[in-house]
Amino acid sequence: MSQPVQQTACALCGGSGWKEVSRPDTGGRAVKAVTKCECALASRADRLLAAARIPARYQHCEFSNYDTHIEGKDHSLSAALLAAQKFVEEYPVERAGLLFTGGIGVGKTHLAVSAIRALISTKGAQCLFYDYRELLKQIQNSYNASVQITEMDVLRPVFEAEVLVLDELGAVKPTEWVWDTVSHILNTRYNDERTTIITTNFDDLPAGAVSGARAAARQETLGDRIGERMRSRLHEMCRNIEIRGEDFRTKFKSANYR
């Protein structure tokens, strides 16, 4: 019969999750205090990370492996990285979110995931990742009488997440139902003063702003896809970070891409 594995208690807290520290009082004298041990913080971070719903494809994404070496004379990749890192440093004092705009494959989702991974590990923030298309499909599926889940079951964690990543906003063809749904999500989070990080492949321009050859090619704007009212709301909720560059996924097919 195999012997049970013996768990080694933390040397700092003895397994209690709390450790004793010394801090100076107002007179400069050292006084004893109790604070959360690193082992408890790491355990909480592991639970939060598992609950964040980060897709397997993006599990590796961190600020440290965001590649800015290929940007040439255009420094938007470096600027975006610095802005995302500053956002993490200033949270939760600064609760405004981020709106990453730019073409396909420039690293918007990488930075969004890196940000919530850093928030979880350094701030203990409760974060949630959702692909915009998947979220809408789950909401629609809840209307099926044979499914044992309600619309509010799907939306409640989206409403209540401390920090939400909504990936590829505008990727679904707009209809009245789509507009109503995205309005409901963004307005609820706005009113509850919750932080939202958004990525989109569409330029942050008003509806109907594209003209000429681009209009002939049917290139739409963010205003076209989510409506001007919601685009205006995003400007209140988020700081816009534009990322320019070539598609990593077509130009660099390396083992680093998962």
C-alpha atoms as a PDB file:
ATOM      1  CA  MET A   1       0.000   0.000   0.000  1.00  0.00           C
ATOM      2  CA  SER A   2       1.394   3.386  -0.975  1.00  0.00           C
ATOM      3  CA  GLN A   3       2.031   5.897   1.755  1.00  0.00           C
ATOM      4  CA  PRO A   4       0.152   9.225   1.681  1.00  0.00           C
ATOM      5  CA  VAL A   5       2.184  12.181   0.476  1.00  0.00           C
ATOM      6  CA  GLN A   6       3.265  14.368   3.357  1.00  0.00           C
ATOM      7  CA  GLN A   7       2.542  18.044   2.767  1.00  0.00           C
ATOM      8  CA  THR A   8       5.335  20.319   3.983  1.00  0.00           C
ATOM      9  CA  ALA A   9       4.019  23.316   5.890  1.00  0.00           C
ATOM     10  CA  CYS A  10       5.190  26.749   4.797  1.00  0.00           C
ATOM     11  CA  ALA A  11       8.301  27.777   6.739  1.00  0.00           C
ATOM     12  CA  LEU A  12       7.022  31.360   7.023  1.00  0.00           C
ATOM     13  CA  CYS A  13       3.493  30.788   8.328  1.00  0.00           C
ATOM     14  CA  GLY A  14       3.433  27.117   9.359  1.00  0.00           C
ATOM     15  CA  GLY A  15       0.483  26.546   7.051  1.00  0.00           C
ATOM     16  CA  SER A  16      -1.791  29.158   8.647  1.00  0.00           C
ATOM     17  CA  GLY A  17      -1.653  31.527   5.656  1.00  0.00           C
ATOM     18  CA  TRP A  18      -0.599  34.434   7.885  1.00  0.00           C
ATOM     19  CA  LYS A  19       2.877  35.591   8.856  1.00  0.00           C
ATOM     20  CA  GLU A  20       4.221  37.987  11.443  1.00  0.00           C
ATOM     21  CA  VAL A  21       6.072  41.084  10.247  1.00  0.00           C
ATOM     22  CA  SER A  22       7.597  44.155  11.876  1.00  0.00           C
ATOM     23  CA  ARG A  23       6.516  47.614  10.832  1.00  0.00           C
ATOM     24  CA  PRO A  24       7.511  51.060  12.123  1.00  0.00           C
ATOM     25  CA  ASP A  25       4.902  52.984  14.079  1.00  0.00           C
ATOM     26  CA  THR A  26       4.468  56.752  13.946  1.00  0.00           C
ATOM     27  CA  GLY A  27       7.394  57.122  16.320  1.00  0.00           C
ATOM     28  CA  GLY A  28       9.685  54.977  14.226  1.00  0.00           C
ATOM     29  CA  ARG A  29       9.612  52.044  16.638  1.00  0.00           C
ATOM     30  CA  ALA A  30       9.193  48.510  15.302  1.00  0.00           C
ATOM     31  CA  VAL A  31       5.832  46.950  16.086  1.00  0.00           C
ATOM     32  CA  LYS A  32       4.596  43.487  15.236  1.00  0.00           C
ATOM     33  CA  ALA A  33       1.795  42.979  12.737  1.00  0.00           C
ATOM     34  CA  VAL A  34       0.226  40.106  10.805  1.00  0.00           C
ATOM     35  CA  THR A  35      -0.130  39.961   7.028  1.00  0.00           C
ATOM     36  CA  LYS A  36      -1.051  37.415   4.359  1.00  0.00           C
ATOM     37  CA  CYS A  37       1.747  34.981   3.644  1.00  0.00           C
ATOM     38  CA  GLU A  38       3.151  34.598   0.142  1.00  0.00           C
ATOM     39  CA  CYS A  39       1.982  30.979   0.070  1.00  0.00           C
ATOM     40  CA  ALA A  40      -1.645  32.060   0.622  1.00  0.00           C
ATOM     41  CA  LEU A  41      -1.363  34.752  -2.044  1.00  0.00           C
ATOM     42  CA  ALA A  42       0.083  32.230  -4.508  1.00  0.00           C
ATOM     43  CA  SER A  43      -2.706  29.756  -3.760  1.00  0.00           C
ATOM     44  CA  ARG A  44      -5.354  32.439  -4.332  1.00  0.00           C
ATOM     45  CA  ALA A  45      -3.662  33.462  -7.578  1.00  0.00           C
ATOM     46  CA  ASP A  46      -3.734  29.864  -8.809  1.00  0.00           C
ATOM     47  CA  ARG A  47      -7.481  29.636  -8.095  1.00  0.00           C
ATOM     48  CA  LEU A  48      -8.197  32.973  -9.760  1.00  0.00           C
ATOM     49  CA  LEU A  49      -6.141  32.048 -12.806  1.00  0.00           C
ATOM     50  CA  ALA A  50      -7.993  28.744 -13.191  1.00  0.00           C
ATOM     51  CA  ALA A  51     -11.345  30.582 -12.977  1.00  0.00           C
ATOM     52  CA  ALA A  52     -10.386  33.295 -15.480  1.00  0.00           C
ATOM     53  CA  ARG A  53     -11.310  31.154 -18.531  1.00  0.00           C
ATOM     54  CA  ILE A  54      -8.159  32.075 -20.452  1.00  0.00           C
ATOM     55  CA  PRO A  55      -8.133  29.869 -23.603  1.00  0.00           C
ATOM     56  CA  ALA A  56      -5.341  27.315 -23.926  1.00  0.00           C
ATOM     57  CA  ARG A  57      -4.008  29.181 -26.974  1.00  0.00           C
ATOM     58  CA  TYR A  58      -3.238  32.203 -24.805  1.00  0.00           C
ATOM     59  CA  GLN A  59      -2.158  30.515 -21.572  1.00  0.00           C
ATOM     60  CA  HIS A  60       1.483  31.382 -22.320  1.00  0.00           C
ATOM     61  CA  CYS A  61       0.873  35.120 -22.802  1.00  0.00           C
ATOM     62  CA  GLU A  62       2.817  37.400 -20.475  1.00  0.00           C
ATOM     63  CA  PHE A  63       4.331  40.856 -20.753  1.00  0.00           C
ATOM     64  CA  SER A  64       7.793  39.255 -20.755  1.00  0.00           C
ATOM     65  CA  ASN A  65       7.180  37.336 -24.000  1.00  0.00           C
ATOM     66  CA  TYR A  66       5.385  40.073 -25.941  1.00  0.00           C
ATOM     67  CA  ASP A  67       7.676  40.604 -28.952  1.00  0.00           C
ATOM     68  CA  THR A  68       8.359  44.249 -29.803  1.00  0.00           C
ATOM     69  CA  HIS A  69      11.596  43.623 -31.745  1.00  0.00           C
ATOM     70  CA  ILE A  70       9.897  43.505 -35.148  1.00  0.00           C
ATOM     71  CA  GLU A  71       8.189  46.880 -35.082  1.00  0.00           C
ATOM     72  CA  GLY A  72      10.921  48.733 -36.998  1.00  0.00           C
ATOM     73  CA  LYS A  73      10.388  52.487 -37.037  1.00  0.00           C
ATOM     74  CA  ASP A  74       6.819  52.214 -35.783  1.00  0.00           C
ATOM     75  CA  HIS A  75       6.921  52.039 -31.991  1.00  0.00           C
ATOM     76  CA  SER A  76       3.234  51.296 -31.387  1.00  0.00           C
ATOM     77  CA  LEU A  77       4.036  47.795 -30.061  1.00  0.00           C
ATOM     78  CA  SER A  78       6.393  49.142 -27.410  1.00  0.00           C
ATOM     79  CA  ALA A  79       3.986  51.943 -26.536  1.00  0.00           C
ATOM     80  CA  ALA A  80       1.123  49.457 -26.153  1.00  0.00           C
ATOM     81  CA  LEU A  81       3.219  47.223 -23.904  1.00  0.00           C
ATOM     82  CA  LEU A  82       4.210  50.141 -21.676  1.00  0.00           C
ATOM     83  CA  ALA A  83       0.593  51.344 -21.473  1.00  0.00           C
ATOM     84  CA  ALA A  84      -0.646  47.883 -20.446  1.00  0.00           C
ATOM     85  CA  GLN A  85       2.077  47.570 -17.797  1.00  0.00           C
ATOM     86  CA  LYS A  86       1.247  51.024 -16.440  1.00  0.00           C
ATOM     87  CA  PHE A  87      -2.434  50.056 -16.298  1.00  0.00           C
ATOM     88  CA  VAL A  88      -1.568  47.077 -14.071  1.00  0.00           C
ATOM     89  CA  GLU A  89       0.696  49.194 -11.848  1.00  0.00           C
ATOM     90  CA  GLU A  90      -1.989  51.845 -11.289  1.00  0.00           C
ATOM     91  CA  TYR A  91      -4.895  49.443 -10.704  1.00  0.00           C
ATOM     92  CA  PRO A  92      -7.149  49.710  -8.704  1.00  0.00           C
ATOM     93  CA  VAL A  93      -6.465  53.403  -7.990  1.00  0.00           C
ATOM     94  CA  GLU A  94      -7.057  53.970 -11.706  1.00  0.00           C
ATOM     95  CA  ARG A  95      -9.972  51.771 -12.774  1.00  0.00           C
ATOM     96  CA  ALA A  96     -10.397  52.890 -16.398  1.00  0.00           C
ATOM     97  CA  GLY A  97     -10.031  49.946 -18.766  1.00  0.00           C
ATOM     98  CA  LEU A  98      -8.188  49.494 -22.042  1.00  0.00           C
ATOM     99  CA  LEU A  99      -9.424  49.380 -25.638  1.00  0.00           C
ATOM    100  CA  PHE A 100      -6.877  47.694 -27.895  1.00  0.00           C
ATOM    101  CA  THR A 101      -7.500  48.476 -31.567  1.00  0.00           C
ATOM    102  CA  GLY A 102      -5.530  47.305 -34.594  1.00  0.00           C
ATOM    103  CA  GLY A 103      -5.378  44.773 -37.386  1.00  0.00           C
ATOM    104  CA  ILE A 104      -5.449  41.005 -37.094  1.00  0.00           C
ATOM    105  CA  GLY A 105      -2.458  39.373 -35.407  1.00  0.00           C
ATOM    106  CA  VAL A 106      -0.716  42.441 -33.951  1.00  0.00           C
ATOM    107  CA  GLY A 107      -0.837  41.162 -30.356  1.00  0.00           C
ATOM    108  CA  LYS A 108      -3.976  42.756 -28.902  1.00  0.00           C
ATOM    109  CA  THR A 109      -5.183  39.584 -27.190  1.00  0.00           C
ATOM    110  CA  HIS A 110      -1.651  38.805 -25.992  1.00  0.00           C
ATOM    111  CA  LEU A 111      -1.507  42.117 -24.122  1.00  0.00           C
ATOM    112  CA  ALA A 112      -5.061  41.791 -22.782  1.00  0.00           C
ATOM    113  CA  VAL A 113      -4.306  38.332 -21.348  1.00  0.00           C
ATOM    114  CA  SER A 114      -0.919  39.492 -20.044  1.00  0.00           C
ATOM    115  CA  ALA A 115      -2.670  42.310 -18.197  1.00  0.00           C
ATOM    116  CA  ILE A 116      -5.165  40.082 -16.386  1.00  0.00           C
ATOM    117  CA  ARG A 117      -2.507  37.491 -15.577  1.00  0.00           C
ATOM    118  CA  ALA A 118      -0.447  40.275 -13.976  1.00  0.00           C
ATOM    119  CA  LEU A 119      -3.491  41.653 -12.132  1.00  0.00           C
ATOM    120  CA  ILE A 120      -4.217  38.198 -10.734  1.00  0.00           C
ATOM    121  CA  SER A 121      -0.655  37.506  -9.612  1.00  0.00           C
ATOM    122  CA  THR A 122       0.228  40.951  -8.245  1.00  0.00           C
ATOM    123  CA  LYS A 123      -3.114  42.442  -7.159  1.00  0.00           C
ATOM    124  CA  GLY A 124      -5.267  39.369  -6.471  1.00  0.00           C
ATOM    125  CA  ALA A 125      -7.908  40.720  -8.859  1.00  0.00           C
ATOM    126  CA  GLN A 126     -10.771  38.480  -9.977  1.00  0.00           C
ATOM    127  CA  CYS A 127     -10.625  38.476 -13.782  1.00  0.00           C
ATOM    128  CA  LEU A 128     -12.626  36.841 -16.561  1.00  0.00           C
ATOM    129  CA  PHE A 129     -11.868  36.314 -20.262  1.00  0.00           C
ATOM    130  CA  TYR A 130     -14.622  35.998 -22.878  1.00  0.00           C
ATOM    131  CA  ASP A 131     -14.486  35.822 -26.635  1.00  0.00           C
ATOM    132  CA  TYR A 132     -17.229  38.140 -27.905  1.00  0.00           C
ATOM    133  CA  ARG A 133     -18.588  35.600 -30.384  1.00  0.00           C
ATOM    134  CA  GLU A 134     -18.598  32.778 -27.850  1.00  0.00           C
ATOM    135  CA  LEU A 135     -20.396  34.930 -25.297  1.00  0.00           C
ATOM    136  CA  LEU A 136     -23.167  35.827 -27.732  1.00  0.00           C
ATOM    137  CA  LYS A 137     -23.554  32.151 -28.714  1.00  0.00           C
ATOM    138  CA  GLN A 138     -23.874  31.126 -25.073  1.00  0.00           C
ATOM    139  CA  ILE A 139     -26.517  33.775 -24.483  1.00  0.00           C
ATOM    140  CA  GLN A 140     -28.463  32.647 -27.548  1.00  0.00           C
ATOM    141  CA  ASN A 141     -28.154  29.017 -26.491  1.00  0.00           C
ATOM    142  CA  SER A 142     -29.710  29.856 -23.129  1.00  0.00           C
ATOM    143  CA  TYR A 143     -32.990  30.601 -24.944  1.00  0.00           C
ATOM    144  CA  ASN A 144     -33.259  26.914 -25.888  1.00  0.00           C
ATOM    145  CA  ALA A 145     -35.836  25.302 -23.618  1.00  0.00           C
ATOM    146  CA  SER A 146     -33.830  22.081 -23.472  1.00  0.00           C
ATOM    147  CA  VAL A 147     -30.782  23.834 -22.002  1.00  0.00           C
ATOM    148  CA  GLN A 148     -30.627  23.992 -18.216  1.00  0.00           C
ATOM    149  CA  ILE A 149     -29.155  27.466 -18.068  1.00  0.00           C
ATOM    150  CA  THR A 150     -30.700  30.914 -18.181  1.00  0.00           C
ATOM    151  CA  GLU A 151     -29.533  34.119 -19.830  1.00  0.00           C
ATOM    152  CA  MET A 152     -28.738  35.559 -16.405  1.00  0.00           C
ATOM    153  CA  ASP A 153     -26.661  32.481 -15.531  1.00  0.00           C
ATOM    154  CA  VAL A 154     -24.435  33.400 -18.484  1.00  0.00           C
ATOM    155  CA  LEU A 155     -24.428  37.145 -17.905  1.00  0.00           C
ATOM    156  CA  ARG A 156     -24.027  37.297 -14.127  1.00  0.00           C
ATOM    157  CA  PRO A 157     -20.278  36.457 -14.058  1.00  0.00           C
ATOM    158  CA  VAL A 158     -19.765  38.840 -16.996  1.00  0.00           C
ATOM    159  CA  PHE A 159     -21.489  41.637 -15.094  1.00  0.00           C
ATOM    160  CA  GLU A 160     -19.778  40.890 -11.788  1.00  0.00           C
ATOM    161  CA  ALA A 161     -16.174  40.161 -12.848  1.00  0.00           C
ATOM    162  CA  GLU A 162     -13.810  42.650 -11.252  1.00  0.00           C
ATOM    163  CA  VAL A 163     -11.941  42.887 -14.553  1.00  0.00           C
ATOM    164  CA  LEU A 164     -13.437  41.559 -17.797  1.00  0.00           C
ATOM    165  CA  VAL A 165     -11.605  40.940 -21.062  1.00  0.00           C
ATOM    166  CA  LEU A 166     -14.006  41.054 -24.011  1.00  0.00           C
ATOM    167  CA  ASP A 167     -12.007  39.793 -26.964  1.00  0.00           C
ATOM    168  CA  GLU A 168     -12.748  40.722 -30.597  1.00  0.00           C
ATOM    169  CA  LEU A 169     -15.620  43.105 -29.943  1.00  0.00           C
ATOM    170  CA  GLY A 170     -17.645  43.661 -33.097  1.00  0.00           C
ATOM    171  CA  ALA A 171     -16.726  40.313 -34.662  1.00  0.00           C
ATOM    172  CA  VAL A 172     -20.413  39.342 -34.997  1.00  0.00           C
ATOM    173  CA  LYS A 173     -22.542  40.930 -37.709  1.00  0.00           C
ATOM    174  CA  PRO A 174     -24.620  43.617 -35.997  1.00  0.00           C
ATOM    175  CA  THR A 175     -28.344  43.115 -35.506  1.00  0.00           C
ATOM    176  CA  GLU A 176     -30.767  44.814 -33.126  1.00  0.00           C
ATOM    177  CA  TRP A 177     -30.362  41.877 -30.718  1.00  0.00           C
ATOM    178  CA  VAL A 178     -26.548  42.102 -30.873  1.00  0.00           C
ATOM    179  CA  TRP A 179     -26.631  45.852 -30.257  1.00  0.00           C
ATOM    180  CA  ASP A 180     -29.067  45.459 -27.358  1.00  0.00           C
ATOM    181  CA  THR A 181     -26.950  42.717 -25.808  1.00  0.00           C
ATOM    182  CA  VAL A 182     -23.614  44.528 -26.015  1.00  0.00           C
ATOM    183  CA  SER A 183     -25.314  47.683 -24.722  1.00  0.00           C
ATOM    184  CA  HIS A 184     -26.680  45.743 -21.749  1.00  0.00           C
ATOM    185  CA  ILE A 185     -23.234  44.323 -20.911  1.00  0.00           C
ATOM    186  CA  LEU A 186     -21.250  47.535 -21.285  1.00  0.00           C
ATOM    187  CA  ASN A 187     -23.821  49.772 -19.586  1.00  0.00           C
ATOM    188  CA  THR A 188     -24.109  47.418 -16.619  1.00  0.00           C
ATOM    189  CA  ARG A 189     -20.350  47.328 -16.128  1.00  0.00           C
ATOM    190  CA  TYR A 190     -20.121  51.099 -16.632  1.00  0.00           C
ATOM    191  CA  ASN A 191     -22.809  51.799 -14.030  1.00  0.00           C
ATOM    192  CA  ASP A 192     -21.185  49.382 -11.556  1.00  0.00           C
ATOM    193  CA  GLU A 193     -17.778  51.035 -12.181  1.00  0.00           C
ATOM    194  CA  ARG A 194     -16.120  47.760 -13.150  1.00  0.00           C
ATOM    195  CA  THR A 195     -12.984  47.631 -15.290  1.00  0.00           C
ATOM    196  CA  THR A 196     -13.224  46.273 -18.832  1.00  0.00           C
ATOM    197  CA  ILE A 197     -10.433  45.427 -21.287  1.00  0.00           C
ATOM    198  CA  ILE A 198     -11.537  45.178 -24.919  1.00  0.00           C
ATOM    199  CA  THR A 199      -9.835  44.123 -28.142  1.00  0.00           C
ATOM    200  CA  THR A 200     -11.212  44.793 -31.611  1.00  0.00           C
ATOM    201  CA  ASN A 201     -10.005  44.495 -35.199  1.00  0.00           C
ATOM    202  CA  PHE A 202     -12.065  47.524 -36.242  1.00  0.00           C
ATOM    203  CA  ASP A 203     -10.786  51.090 -36.375  1.00  0.00           C
ATOM    204  CA  ASP A 204     -12.125  53.300 -33.598  1.00  0.00           C
ATOM    205  CA  LEU A 205     -14.037  55.562 -35.998  1.00  0.00           C
ATOM    206  CA  PRO A 206     -17.681  56.690 -36.195  1.00  0.00           C
ATOM    207  CA  ALA A 207     -20.278  54.750 -38.131  1.00  0.00           C
ATOM    208  CA  GLY A 208     -20.064  55.528 -41.838  1.00  0.00           C
ATOM    209  CA  ALA A 209     -16.649  57.181 -41.488  1.00  0.00           C
ATOM    210  CA  VAL A 210     -14.969  55.008 -44.133  1.00  0.00           C
ATOM    211  CA  SER A 211     -15.223  56.306 -47.672  1.00  0.00           C
ATOM    212  CA  GLY A 212     -13.605  55.896 -51.060  1.00  0.00           C
ATOM    213  CA  ALA A 213     -11.685  52.712 -51.818  1.00  0.00           C
ATOM    214  CA  ARG A 214     -11.984  51.433 -48.251  1.00  0.00           C
ATOM    215  CA  ALA A 215     -15.752  51.775 -48.376  1.00  0.00           C
ATOM    216  CA  ALA A 216     -15.808  49.950 -51.704  1.00  0.00           C
ATOM    217  CA  ALA A 217     -13.882  47.133 -50.006  1.00  0.00           C
ATOM    218  CA  ARG A 218     -16.562  47.143 -47.276  1.00  0.00           C
ATOM    219  CA  GLN A 219     -14.159  47.898 -44.467  1.00  0.00           C
ATOM    220  CA  GLU A 220     -16.336  48.799 -41.498  1.00  0.00           C
ATOM    221  CA  THR A 221     -15.523  50.787 -38.374  1.00  0.00           C
ATOM    222  CA  LEU A 222     -16.140  50.091 -34.708  1.00  0.00           C
ATOM    223  CA  GLY A 223     -19.033  52.542 -34.865  1.00  0.00           C
ATOM    224  CA  ASP A 224     -20.557  50.489 -37.686  1.00  0.00           C
ATOM    225  CA  ARG A 225     -20.287  47.276 -35.674  1.00  0.00           C
ATOM    226  CA  ILE A 226     -21.467  48.314 -32.210  1.00  0.00           C
ATOM    227  CA  GLY A 227     -23.273  51.617 -32.808  1.00  0.00           C
ATOM    228  CA  GLU A 228     -22.231  55.156 -31.998  1.00  0.00           C
ATOM    229  CA  ARG A 229     -23.844  55.202 -28.566  1.00  0.00           C
ATOM    230  CA  MET A 230     -21.807  52.227 -27.372  1.00  0.00           C
ATOM    231  CA  ARG A 231     -18.652  53.498 -29.034  1.00  0.00           C
ATOM    232  CA  SER A 232     -19.067  56.734 -27.096  1.00  0.00           C
ATOM    233  CA  ARG A 233     -19.598  54.747 -23.894  1.00  0.00           C
ATOM    234  CA  LEU A 234     -16.354  52.849 -24.512  1.00  0.00           C
ATOM    235  CA  HIS A 235     -14.489  56.150 -24.627  1.00  0.00           C
ATOM    236  CA  GLU A 236     -15.756  56.841 -21.101  1.00  0.00           C
ATOM    237  CA  MET A 237     -14.813  53.353 -19.895  1.00  0.00           C
ATOM    238  CA  CYS A 238     -11.469  52.740 -21.576  1.00  0.00           C
ATOM    239  CA  ARG A 239      -8.258  54.279 -22.801  1.00  0.00           C
ATOM    240  CA  ASN A 240      -7.746  53.592 -26.520  1.00  0.00           C
ATOM    241  CA  ILE A 241      -4.437  51.945 -27.455  1.00  0.00           C
ATOM    242  CA  GLU A 242      -3.862  51.550 -31.183  1.00  0.00           C
ATOM    243  CA  ILE A 243      -1.412  48.860 -32.290  1.00  0.00           C
ATOM    244  CA  ARG A 244      -0.057  48.916 -35.824  1.00  0.00           C
ATOM    245  CA  GLY A 245       2.007  46.298 -37.574  1.00  0.00           C
ATOM    246  CA  GLU A 246       1.973  43.125 -39.634  1.00  0.00           C
ATOM    247  CA  ASP A 247       0.119  39.958 -38.732  1.00  0.00           C
ATOM    248  CA  PHE A 248       2.417  37.893 -36.487  1.00  0.00           C
ATOM    249  CA  ARG A 249       0.516  34.738 -37.346  1.00  0.00           C
ATOM    250  CA  THR A 250       1.193  34.911 -41.073  1.00  0.00           C
ATOM    251  CA  LYS A 251       4.679  36.440 -41.034  1.00  0.00           C
ATOM    252  CA  PHE A 252       6.209  34.474 -38.163  1.00  0.00           C
ATOM    253  CA  LYS A 253       5.124  30.828 -38.148  1.00  0.00           C
ATOM    254  CA  SER A 254       7.475  29.683 -35.404  1.00  0.00           C
ATOM    255  CA  ALA A 255       7.323  27.226 -32.546  1.00  0.00           C
ATOM    256  CA  ASN A 256       6.713  30.139 -30.208  1.00  0.00           C
ATOM    257  CA  TYR A 257       3.263  30.599 -31.680  1.00  0.00           C
ATOM    258  CA  ARG A 258       0.800  28.224 -30.071  1.00  0.00           C
END
